[in-house]
Amino acid sequence: MTLVAASQIAPVVGDVIENRARVRAALEEAAAQAADLVVLPELAQSGYVFKDVQEARSVAEHLDGPSVREWSDLSRRLQLVLVAGFCERGPDGHLFNSCVLIDHGQVRATYRKAHLWDRESEFFSRGHEGPPVVDTSLGRVAMMICYDVEFPEWTRMAGLGGADVLAVPTNWPLEARPEGERPMEVVRLQAAASANRMFVVAADRCGVERGVAWVGGSVILGPDGYPLAGPVAAEREQLLTARVNLHAARTKTISASNHVLTDRRPELYALLTRAHEESPASP
């Protein structure tokens, strides 16, 4: 069995030193509970609501920069797999909203957010690679970031890639919803978990930042789409954990006659591409 964890913290925009301390404390807390996989929020290293691209550039780090180096050391010392978001300065100087997967001290993969939300395009370039699925010491871990999960094609790619668990660093801005309703961001992830029969660990952030409030909706979902922990949906730091058998996600049958992947009809779905190309509303 594997103990998976979503660490909901409150990064401070522009304060990399403080954010490293918050991540360090969060990982120590998770390790004290014997967590094997820990997911941290989007842009946990830098904060999110940048004033301008110059501020984003001032806190951006290369993949081999001090934050990822420290996270690698912590991952090795605490004996865990870590997925966390950071503001990446690419080799060509472009900035990316990225996340990194570190397996017991070894950087195994990075992912650059492909679907940029709202003002993010003012600061970041879009990633052009699909969500990686990494065969880690725990199982197959996929990752993507926040708005990416609103595209079922993207979460399906993780499912088709054989992911046991999808790790989602996220910053969900708080939007109005009817009283008693679950955040729509969580509902979308529930649908993705169920449609692909995979676990999902989503780490949201909290802490009002430059007037922006957040859902605080960290959640851990089973392959049936139902929550195993959370959703928190609260304005406080919190660690969610759940003990799971990640290999259970490799069973894709949902009845004696149905399998969520082999029942697909890809020859029909090509119509989606043609419809997009032919639509007058296409950008």
Protein backbone atom coordinates (compact mmCIF):
# COMPACT_ATOMS: atom_id res chain seq x y z
CA MET A 1 0.00 0.00 0.00
CA THR A 2 1.08 3.56 -0.77
CA LEU A 3 0.36 6.65 1.34
CA VAL A 4 -0.38 9.52 -1.05
CA ALA A 5 -0.61 13.10 0.16
CA ALA A 6 -1.83 16.48 -1.09
CA SER A 7 -0.22 19.38 0.75
CA GLN A 8 -2.34 22.54 0.65
CA ILE A 9 -0.08 25.46 1.49
CA ALA A 10 -0.09 29.24 1.01
CA PRO A 11 2.89 30.38 -1.11
CA VAL A 12 3.86 34.06 -0.98
CA VAL A 13 4.20 35.71 -4.37
CA GLY A 14 7.76 36.80 -5.10
CA ASP A 15 9.28 35.38 -1.88
CA VAL A 16 11.24 32.32 -2.99
CA ILE A 17 13.06 31.94 0.33
CA GLU A 18 9.83 31.91 2.33
CA ASN A 19 8.24 29.51 -0.12
CA ARG A 20 11.14 27.09 0.15
CA ALA A 21 10.68 27.15 3.92
CA ARG A 22 6.94 26.43 3.55
CA VAL A 23 7.58 23.55 1.16
CA ARG A 24 10.26 22.18 3.49
CA ALA A 25 7.87 22.27 6.45
CA ALA A 26 5.11 20.67 4.38
CA LEU A 27 7.36 17.82 3.29
CA GLU A 28 8.60 17.25 6.82
CA GLU A 29 4.98 17.05 7.99
CA ALA A 30 4.09 14.59 5.23
CA ALA A 31 7.16 12.46 5.96
CA ALA A 32 6.22 12.36 9.65
CA GLN A 33 3.02 10.62 8.53
CA ALA A 34 5.09 8.24 6.35
CA ALA A 35 3.84 9.66 3.05
CA ASP A 36 5.26 7.98 -0.06
CA LEU A 37 3.98 10.46 -2.68
CA VAL A 38 3.49 14.16 -1.95
CA VAL A 39 1.90 16.68 -4.33
CA LEU A 40 2.33 20.43 -3.75
CA PRO A 41 0.51 23.36 -5.43
CA GLU A 42 1.12 25.05 -8.75
CA LEU A 43 3.96 27.61 -8.60
CA ALA A 44 4.71 26.58 -5.01
CA GLN A 45 8.21 28.02 -5.39
CA SER A 46 7.18 31.51 -6.55
CA GLY A 47 3.55 32.35 -5.82
CA TYR A 48 1.06 33.07 -8.57
CA VAL A 49 -0.31 36.61 -8.94
CA PHE A 50 2.62 38.38 -10.57
CA LYS A 51 2.42 42.12 -11.18
CA ASP A 52 4.26 41.86 -14.48
CA VAL A 53 6.61 39.66 -16.46
CA GLN A 54 9.62 41.33 -14.85
CA GLU A 55 8.50 40.12 -11.43
CA ALA A 56 7.93 36.61 -12.78
CA ARG A 57 11.36 36.65 -14.39
CA SER A 58 12.97 37.78 -11.11
CA VAL A 59 11.86 34.60 -9.31
CA ALA A 60 12.17 32.12 -12.20
CA GLU A 61 14.68 29.31 -11.81
CA HIS A 62 16.29 26.80 -14.12
CA LEU A 63 15.53 23.14 -13.54
CA ASP A 64 18.87 22.79 -11.77
CA GLY A 65 18.23 25.90 -9.66
CA PRO A 66 18.23 26.12 -5.86
CA SER A 67 14.57 25.20 -5.29
CA VAL A 68 14.60 21.97 -7.29
CA ARG A 69 18.01 21.09 -5.82
CA GLU A 70 16.62 21.52 -2.31
CA TRP A 71 13.48 19.54 -3.18
CA SER A 72 15.68 16.76 -4.53
CA ASP A 73 17.67 16.68 -1.30
CA LEU A 74 14.45 16.56 0.73
CA SER A 75 13.01 13.83 -1.48
CA ARG A 76 16.16 11.76 -0.96
CA ARG A 77 16.38 12.36 2.79
CA LEU A 78 12.68 11.83 3.45
CA GLN A 79 12.46 8.88 1.04
CA LEU A 80 9.47 10.05 -0.98
CA VAL A 81 8.28 10.92 -4.46
CA LEU A 82 7.47 14.61 -4.91
CA VAL A 83 5.51 16.55 -7.51
CA ALA A 84 5.59 20.34 -7.15
CA GLY A 85 5.09 23.43 -9.29
CA PHE A 86 7.68 26.11 -10.01
CA CYS A 87 8.31 29.11 -12.23
CA GLU A 88 10.80 27.76 -14.75
CA ARG A 89 13.31 29.72 -16.78
CA GLY A 90 13.91 27.63 -19.87
CA PRO A 91 17.30 27.28 -21.59
CA ASP A 92 16.22 29.87 -24.17
CA GLY A 93 15.10 32.34 -21.50
CA HIS A 94 11.37 31.74 -21.95
CA LEU A 95 9.34 31.30 -18.77
CA PHE A 96 7.11 28.29 -18.15
CA ASN A 97 4.54 27.35 -15.53
CA SER A 98 6.10 23.98 -14.78
CA CYS A 99 6.09 21.09 -12.36
CA VAL A 100 8.76 18.56 -11.54
CA LEU A 101 8.64 14.92 -10.47
CA ILE A 102 11.41 13.84 -8.12
CA ASP A 103 11.76 10.19 -7.13
CA HIS A 104 13.85 9.66 -3.98
CA GLY A 105 16.19 12.49 -4.94
CA GLN A 106 16.27 11.93 -8.69
CA VAL A 107 14.56 14.37 -11.05
CA ARG A 108 12.62 12.05 -13.34
CA ALA A 109 10.50 14.46 -15.39
CA THR A 110 9.35 18.03 -15.84
CA TYR A 111 6.11 19.18 -17.38
CA ARG A 112 5.29 22.62 -18.80
CA LYS A 113 1.66 23.71 -18.59
CA ALA A 114 0.10 23.47 -22.04
CA HIS A 115 -3.20 25.28 -21.40
CA LEU A 116 -2.63 28.73 -19.93
CA TRP A 117 -5.33 30.38 -17.84
CA ASP A 118 -6.33 34.05 -18.01
CA ARG A 119 -3.27 36.33 -17.58
CA GLU A 120 -0.75 33.48 -17.51
CA SER A 121 -0.01 34.05 -21.19
CA GLU A 122 1.44 37.45 -20.24
CA PHE A 123 4.19 35.69 -18.29
CA PHE A 124 4.55 32.17 -19.63
CA SER A 125 5.07 30.35 -22.89
CA ARG A 126 2.86 27.32 -23.50
CA GLY A 127 4.31 23.85 -23.13
CA HIS A 128 4.23 21.67 -26.23
CA GLU A 129 4.58 18.20 -24.71
CA GLY A 130 1.86 15.90 -23.45
CA PRO A 131 1.57 14.89 -19.80
CA PRO A 132 4.45 12.56 -18.89
CA VAL A 133 3.73 9.19 -17.29
CA VAL A 134 6.72 8.13 -15.20
CA ASP A 135 7.35 4.61 -13.94
CA THR A 136 8.48 5.55 -10.43
CA SER A 137 9.49 3.46 -7.43
CA LEU A 138 5.81 3.57 -6.35
CA GLY A 139 3.99 3.09 -9.65
CA ARG A 140 3.16 5.05 -12.77
CA VAL A 141 2.75 8.74 -11.96
CA ALA A 142 1.42 11.29 -14.47
CA MET A 143 1.31 15.03 -13.95
CA MET A 144 -0.36 18.12 -15.34
CA ILE A 145 -1.23 21.55 -13.98
CA CYS A 146 -4.53 23.20 -13.02
CA TYR A 147 -6.38 24.36 -16.19
CA ASP A 148 -4.94 21.39 -18.11
CA VAL A 149 -7.43 19.08 -16.40
CA GLU A 150 -10.39 20.95 -17.93
CA PHE A 151 -9.53 19.31 -21.26
CA PRO A 152 -10.69 15.68 -21.21
CA GLU A 153 -8.36 14.94 -24.12
CA TRP A 154 -5.42 15.75 -21.81
CA THR A 155 -6.51 13.61 -18.88
CA ARG A 156 -7.32 10.81 -21.33
CA MET A 157 -3.72 10.98 -22.56
CA ALA A 158 -2.56 10.26 -19.01
CA GLY A 159 -5.00 7.36 -18.79
CA LEU A 160 -3.89 5.94 -22.13
CA GLY A 161 -0.29 6.34 -21.00
CA GLY A 162 -0.97 3.87 -18.20
CA ALA A 163 -1.01 6.28 -15.25
CA ASP A 164 -1.84 4.72 -11.89
CA VAL A 165 -2.14 8.17 -10.35
CA LEU A 166 -2.44 11.67 -11.81
CA ALA A 167 -0.68 14.34 -9.75
CA VAL A 168 -2.15 17.82 -10.20
CA PRO A 169 -0.46 20.90 -8.73
CA THR A 170 -3.10 23.62 -8.99
CA ASN A 171 -4.15 27.15 -8.02
CA TRP A 172 -7.94 27.31 -8.41
CA PRO A 173 -9.27 30.90 -8.15
CA LEU A 174 -12.41 31.06 -6.03
CA GLU A 175 -15.59 31.57 -8.04
CA ALA A 176 -19.20 31.81 -6.91
CA ARG A 177 -21.12 28.53 -6.65
CA PRO A 178 -24.53 27.57 -5.30
CA GLU A 179 -24.63 26.85 -1.59
CA GLY A 180 -23.81 23.25 -0.81
CA GLU A 181 -22.32 22.51 -4.22
CA ARG A 182 -18.88 21.01 -4.61
CA PRO A 183 -16.37 23.19 -6.54
CA MET A 184 -16.68 22.51 -10.25
CA GLU A 185 -12.90 22.09 -10.42
CA VAL A 186 -13.21 19.08 -8.12
CA VAL A 187 -16.16 17.71 -10.10
CA ARG A 188 -14.10 17.78 -13.31
CA LEU A 189 -11.34 15.81 -11.64
CA GLN A 190 -13.83 13.29 -10.30
CA ALA A 191 -15.03 12.74 -13.85
CA ALA A 192 -11.45 12.35 -15.11
CA ALA A 193 -10.59 9.83 -12.38
CA SER A 194 -13.70 7.78 -13.12
CA ALA A 195 -13.43 7.96 -16.92
CA ASN A 196 -9.83 6.73 -16.82
CA ARG A 197 -10.05 4.53 -13.70
CA MET A 198 -7.01 6.17 -12.13
CA PHE A 199 -6.22 7.79 -8.79
CA VAL A 200 -5.92 11.59 -8.69
CA VAL A 201 -4.03 13.67 -6.12
CA ALA A 202 -4.67 17.41 -6.52
CA ALA A 203 -2.92 19.95 -4.31
CA ASP A 204 -4.56 23.37 -4.35
CA ARG A 205 -3.25 26.48 -2.62
CA CYS A 206 -4.78 28.78 -0.01
CA GLY A 207 -3.99 32.27 1.30
CA VAL A 208 -5.38 35.40 -0.37
CA GLU A 209 -2.75 36.78 -2.74
CA ARG A 210 -3.04 40.34 -4.08
CA GLY A 211 -6.80 40.23 -3.68
CA VAL A 212 -7.24 36.79 -5.26
CA ALA A 213 -8.87 34.12 -3.09
CA TRP A 214 -8.62 30.42 -3.84
CA VAL A 215 -10.90 27.41 -3.71
CA GLY A 216 -8.58 25.57 -1.34
CA GLY A 217 -10.02 22.41 -2.85
CA SER A 218 -7.23 19.87 -2.45
CA VAL A 219 -8.56 16.35 -2.94
CA ILE A 220 -7.52 12.71 -3.32
CA LEU A 221 -9.75 10.61 -5.57
CA GLY A 222 -10.06 6.90 -6.18
CA PRO A 223 -10.39 5.26 -9.61
CA ASP A 224 -14.18 5.32 -9.19
CA GLY A 225 -14.04 9.12 -8.98
CA TYR A 226 -15.12 9.37 -5.35
CA PRO A 227 -13.04 11.25 -2.76
CA LEU A 228 -10.73 9.29 -0.48
CA ALA A 229 -9.72 12.50 1.31
CA GLY A 230 -11.18 15.99 1.00
CA PRO A 231 -12.08 18.05 -0.85
CA VAL A 232 -10.93 20.59 1.71
CA ALA A 233 -12.62 23.61 0.06
CA ALA A 234 -11.41 25.81 2.91
CA GLU A 235 -9.07 28.75 3.44
CA ARG A 236 -6.45 26.96 5.54
CA GLU A 237 -3.28 24.98 5.14
CA GLN A 238 -3.87 21.26 5.46
CA LEU A 239 -2.32 17.92 4.64
CA LEU A 240 -4.60 15.30 3.09
CA THR A 241 -3.53 11.66 3.03
CA ALA A 242 -4.97 8.37 1.82
CA ARG A 243 -3.56 4.86 1.83
CA VAL A 244 -4.13 3.23 -1.56
CA ASN A 245 -3.16 0.30 -3.73
CA LEU A 246 -1.96 2.14 -6.82
CA HIS A 247 -1.98 -1.03 -8.90
CA ALA A 248 -5.77 -1.16 -8.50
CA ALA A 249 -5.83 1.53 -11.20
CA ARG A 250 -4.59 -1.02 -13.72
CA THR A 251 -7.99 -2.72 -13.71
CA LYS A 252 -10.01 -0.84 -16.32
CA THR A 253 -13.10 -3.07 -16.45
CA ILE A 254 -16.37 -1.56 -15.21
CA SER A 255 -18.63 -4.51 -15.96
CA ALA A 256 -18.27 -8.05 -17.22
CA SER A 257 -18.40 -6.66 -20.76
CA ASN A 258 -16.94 -3.16 -20.54
CA HIS A 259 -13.43 -1.69 -20.36
CA VAL A 260 -13.00 2.09 -20.25
CA LEU A 261 -10.08 2.10 -22.68
CA THR A 262 -10.75 -0.73 -25.13
CA ASP A 263 -14.39 0.36 -25.55
CA ARG A 264 -13.20 3.58 -27.14
CA ARG A 265 -13.97 4.25 -30.84
CA PRO A 266 -10.98 6.32 -32.05
CA GLU A 267 -12.03 6.01 -35.68
CA LEU A 268 -15.09 8.10 -34.81
CA TYR A 269 -13.28 10.63 -32.64
CA ALA A 270 -11.29 11.88 -35.64
CA LEU A 271 -14.45 13.85 -36.36
CA LEU A 272 -13.53 16.08 -33.42
CA THR A 273 -10.39 17.25 -35.20
CA ARG A 274 -12.19 17.83 -38.47
CA ALA A 275 -15.02 19.67 -36.74
CA HIS A 276 -12.50 21.97 -35.05
CA GLU A 277 -10.70 22.68 -38.32
CA GLU A 278 -13.93 23.39 -40.18
CA SER A 279 -15.75 25.36 -37.49
CA PRO A 280 -16.13 29.12 -38.17
CA ALA A 281 -15.63 29.63 -34.43
CA SER A 282 -12.17 28.05 -34.52
CA PRO A 283 -9.40 30.51 -33.60
